[in-house]
């Protein structure tokens, strides 16, 4: 997925990029993992995300967290 198709998630501190066995890529919002859950944040938001109350720009030199989903 290209950067414009992802929106803010591409540069957010709170994103985890998940790739499944078939190669599909998903952008998971770690802000959705709060307890109690905050309804403003969805684990896998519809893309592109153009506005987000929890957006926190990641350091441009840092890479996003990446997971490989084996399930």
N, C-alpha and C. Protein backbone atom coordinates (compact mmCIF):
# COMPACT_ATOMS: atom_id res chain seq x y z
N UNK A 1 0.86 -1.18 0.00
CA UNK A 1 0.00 0.00 0.00
C UNK A 1 0.90 1.23 0.00
N UNK A 2 0.57 2.22 -0.79
CA UNK A 2 1.40 3.40 -0.87
C UNK A 2 1.05 4.37 0.25
N UNK A 3 1.95 5.28 0.53
CA UNK A 3 1.77 6.23 1.63
C UNK A 3 0.46 7.01 1.54
N UNK A 4 0.09 7.61 0.39
CA UNK A 4 -1.16 8.36 0.36
C UNK A 4 -2.39 7.49 0.67
N UNK A 5 -2.34 6.21 0.35
CA UNK A 5 -3.49 5.34 0.61
C UNK A 5 -3.64 5.02 2.09
N UNK A 6 -2.58 5.20 2.88
CA UNK A 6 -2.61 4.88 4.31
C UNK A 6 -2.95 6.12 5.13
N UNK A 7 -2.50 7.27 4.71
CA UNK A 7 -2.77 8.51 5.44
C UNK A 7 -1.85 8.67 6.65
N UNK A 8 -2.41 9.18 7.74
CA UNK A 8 -1.63 9.50 8.93
C UNK A 8 -0.97 8.28 9.57
N UNK A 9 -1.57 7.13 9.44
CA UNK A 9 -1.03 5.92 10.07
C UNK A 9 0.42 5.66 9.65
N UNK A 10 0.75 5.99 8.43
CA UNK A 10 2.09 5.73 7.92
C UNK A 10 3.18 6.38 8.76
N UNK A 11 2.89 7.54 9.37
CA UNK A 11 3.90 8.27 10.13
C UNK A 11 3.58 8.39 11.61
N UNK A 12 2.64 7.59 12.10
CA UNK A 12 2.20 7.69 13.49
C UNK A 12 3.04 6.80 14.42
N UNK A 13 3.30 7.31 15.61
CA UNK A 13 4.01 6.56 16.64
C UNK A 13 3.23 5.33 17.08
N UNK A 14 1.91 5.41 17.03
CA UNK A 14 1.04 4.39 17.59
C UNK A 14 0.62 3.30 16.61
N UNK A 15 1.30 3.17 15.50
CA UNK A 15 0.93 2.16 14.51
C UNK A 15 1.80 0.92 14.64
N UNK A 16 1.21 -0.24 14.39
CA UNK A 16 1.94 -1.49 14.23
C UNK A 16 1.54 -2.04 12.88
N UNK A 17 2.51 -2.28 12.03
CA UNK A 17 2.23 -2.82 10.70
C UNK A 17 2.23 -4.35 10.81
N UNK A 18 1.12 -4.96 10.41
CA UNK A 18 0.95 -6.41 10.51
C UNK A 18 0.83 -6.98 9.09
N UNK A 19 1.63 -7.99 8.81
CA UNK A 19 1.59 -8.67 7.52
C UNK A 19 1.18 -10.12 7.75
N UNK A 20 0.19 -10.58 7.03
CA UNK A 20 -0.24 -11.97 7.21
C UNK A 20 0.55 -12.89 6.26
N UNK A 21 0.29 -14.19 6.36
CA UNK A 21 1.02 -15.18 5.56
C UNK A 21 0.85 -14.96 4.06
N UNK A 22 -0.27 -14.42 3.67
CA UNK A 22 -0.53 -14.21 2.23
C UNK A 22 0.05 -12.91 1.72
N UNK A 23 0.67 -12.12 2.61
CA UNK A 23 1.31 -10.89 2.19
C UNK A 23 0.45 -9.64 2.32
N UNK A 24 -0.78 -9.78 2.82
CA UNK A 24 -1.62 -8.60 3.04
C UNK A 24 -1.06 -7.79 4.20
N UNK A 25 -1.13 -6.46 4.09
CA UNK A 25 -0.58 -5.57 5.11
C UNK A 25 -1.73 -4.82 5.77
N UNK A 26 -1.70 -4.80 7.11
CA UNK A 26 -2.72 -4.11 7.90
C UNK A 26 -2.05 -3.13 8.84
N UNK A 27 -2.71 -2.01 9.10
CA UNK A 27 -2.19 -0.98 10.00
C UNK A 27 -3.02 -1.00 11.27
N UNK A 28 -2.40 -1.45 12.38
CA UNK A 28 -3.09 -1.61 13.65
C UNK A 28 -2.79 -0.42 14.56
N UNK A 29 -3.84 0.17 15.12
CA UNK A 29 -3.69 1.32 16.02
C UNK A 29 -3.51 0.82 17.45
N UNK A 30 -2.35 1.10 18.02
CA UNK A 30 -2.06 0.67 19.39
C UNK A 30 -2.79 1.52 20.42
N UNK A 31 -3.30 2.67 20.04
CA UNK A 31 -4.11 3.49 20.95
C UNK A 31 -5.43 2.80 21.26
N UNK A 32 -5.84 1.87 20.44
CA UNK A 32 -7.10 1.15 20.66
C UNK A 32 -6.96 0.12 21.79
N UNK A 33 -5.75 -0.11 22.26
CA UNK A 33 -5.51 -1.11 23.30
C UNK A 33 -5.62 -0.57 24.72
N UNK A 34 -6.20 0.59 24.90
CA UNK A 34 -6.31 1.16 26.24
C UNK A 34 -7.36 0.41 27.06
N UNK A 35 -7.25 0.53 28.37
CA UNK A 35 -8.22 -0.11 29.27
C UNK A 35 -8.70 0.95 30.25
N UNK A 36 -9.93 1.38 30.21
CA UNK A 36 -11.00 0.90 29.33
C UNK A 36 -10.80 1.40 27.89
N UNK A 37 -11.39 0.69 26.94
CA UNK A 37 -11.24 1.08 25.52
C UNK A 37 -11.76 2.48 25.25
N UNK A 38 -11.02 3.19 24.42
CA UNK A 38 -11.43 4.53 23.98
C UNK A 38 -12.14 4.39 22.64
N UNK A 39 -13.43 4.71 22.57
CA UNK A 39 -14.19 4.49 21.32
C UNK A 39 -13.70 5.33 20.14
N UNK A 40 -12.84 6.30 20.38
CA UNK A 40 -12.32 7.11 19.26
C UNK A 40 -11.31 6.35 18.42
N UNK A 41 -10.77 5.26 18.97
CA UNK A 41 -9.72 4.53 18.26
C UNK A 41 -10.18 3.11 17.94
N UNK A 42 -9.93 2.71 16.70
CA UNK A 42 -10.31 1.39 16.19
C UNK A 42 -9.02 0.62 15.93
N UNK A 43 -9.00 -0.65 16.27
CA UNK A 43 -7.76 -1.43 16.08
C UNK A 43 -7.25 -1.38 14.65
N UNK A 44 -8.14 -1.62 13.70
CA UNK A 44 -7.77 -1.58 12.29
C UNK A 44 -8.66 -0.56 11.58
N UNK A 45 -8.26 0.72 11.61
CA UNK A 45 -9.12 1.75 11.04
C UNK A 45 -9.20 1.66 9.52
N UNK A 46 -10.35 2.08 8.96
CA UNK A 46 -10.44 2.14 7.50
C UNK A 46 -9.43 3.17 6.97
N UNK A 47 -8.76 2.81 5.91
CA UNK A 47 -7.73 3.69 5.34
C UNK A 47 -8.26 4.40 4.11
N UNK A 48 -7.81 5.60 3.84
CA UNK A 48 -6.78 6.35 4.56
C UNK A 48 -7.35 7.08 5.77
N UNK A 49 -6.53 7.21 6.80
CA UNK A 49 -6.90 7.99 7.98
C UNK A 49 -6.40 9.42 7.72
N UNK A 50 -7.34 10.34 7.60
CA UNK A 50 -6.98 11.73 7.29
C UNK A 50 -7.01 12.63 8.52
N UNK A 51 -7.75 12.23 9.55
CA UNK A 51 -7.81 12.97 10.81
C UNK A 51 -7.84 11.96 11.94
N UNK A 52 -7.11 12.26 13.03
CA UNK A 52 -7.10 11.36 14.16
C UNK A 52 -6.76 12.14 15.43
N UNK A 53 -7.61 12.04 16.48
CA UNK A 53 -7.34 12.79 17.71
C UNK A 53 -6.13 12.26 18.47
N UNK A 54 -5.65 11.05 18.15
CA UNK A 54 -4.52 10.48 18.85
C UNK A 54 -3.22 10.47 18.05
N UNK A 55 -3.23 11.14 16.90
CA UNK A 55 -2.05 11.12 16.04
C UNK A 55 -0.85 11.76 16.75
N UNK A 56 0.25 11.05 16.71
CA UNK A 56 1.51 11.52 17.28
C UNK A 56 2.59 11.16 16.27
N UNK A 57 3.16 12.19 15.63
CA UNK A 57 4.12 11.95 14.55
C UNK A 57 5.35 11.22 15.08
N UNK A 58 5.69 10.12 14.40
CA UNK A 58 6.86 9.32 14.74
C UNK A 58 8.12 10.04 14.29
N UNK A 59 9.21 9.82 14.99
CA UNK A 59 10.52 10.33 14.60
C UNK A 59 10.79 9.83 13.18
N UNK A 60 11.12 10.73 12.26
CA UNK A 60 11.30 10.32 10.86
C UNK A 60 12.37 9.25 10.66
N UNK A 61 13.30 9.11 11.59
CA UNK A 61 14.36 8.11 11.46
C UNK A 61 13.94 6.75 12.02
N UNK A 62 12.85 6.72 12.77
CA UNK A 62 12.39 5.47 13.39
C UNK A 62 11.47 4.71 12.44
N UNK A 63 11.56 3.40 12.49
CA UNK A 63 10.68 2.54 11.70
C UNK A 63 9.46 2.15 12.53
N UNK A 64 8.30 1.95 11.91
CA UNK A 64 7.14 1.50 12.67
C UNK A 64 7.33 0.06 13.15
N UNK A 65 6.61 -0.30 14.22
CA UNK A 65 6.65 -1.69 14.69
C UNK A 65 6.05 -2.56 13.59
N UNK A 66 6.63 -3.73 13.42
CA UNK A 66 6.12 -4.67 12.41
C UNK A 66 5.93 -6.03 13.04
N UNK A 67 4.81 -6.66 12.70
CA UNK A 67 4.51 -8.02 13.15
C UNK A 67 4.21 -8.85 11.93
N UNK A 68 4.50 -10.11 12.05
CA UNK A 68 4.10 -11.07 11.02
C UNK A 68 3.08 -11.97 11.66
N UNK A 69 1.86 -11.90 11.19
CA UNK A 69 0.76 -12.69 11.74
C UNK A 69 0.81 -14.10 11.15
N UNK A 70 1.01 -15.06 12.00
CA UNK A 70 1.08 -16.44 11.53
C UNK A 70 -0.24 -17.17 11.72
N UNK A 71 -1.28 -16.47 12.21
CA UNK A 71 -2.55 -17.13 12.50
C UNK A 71 -3.49 -17.22 11.38
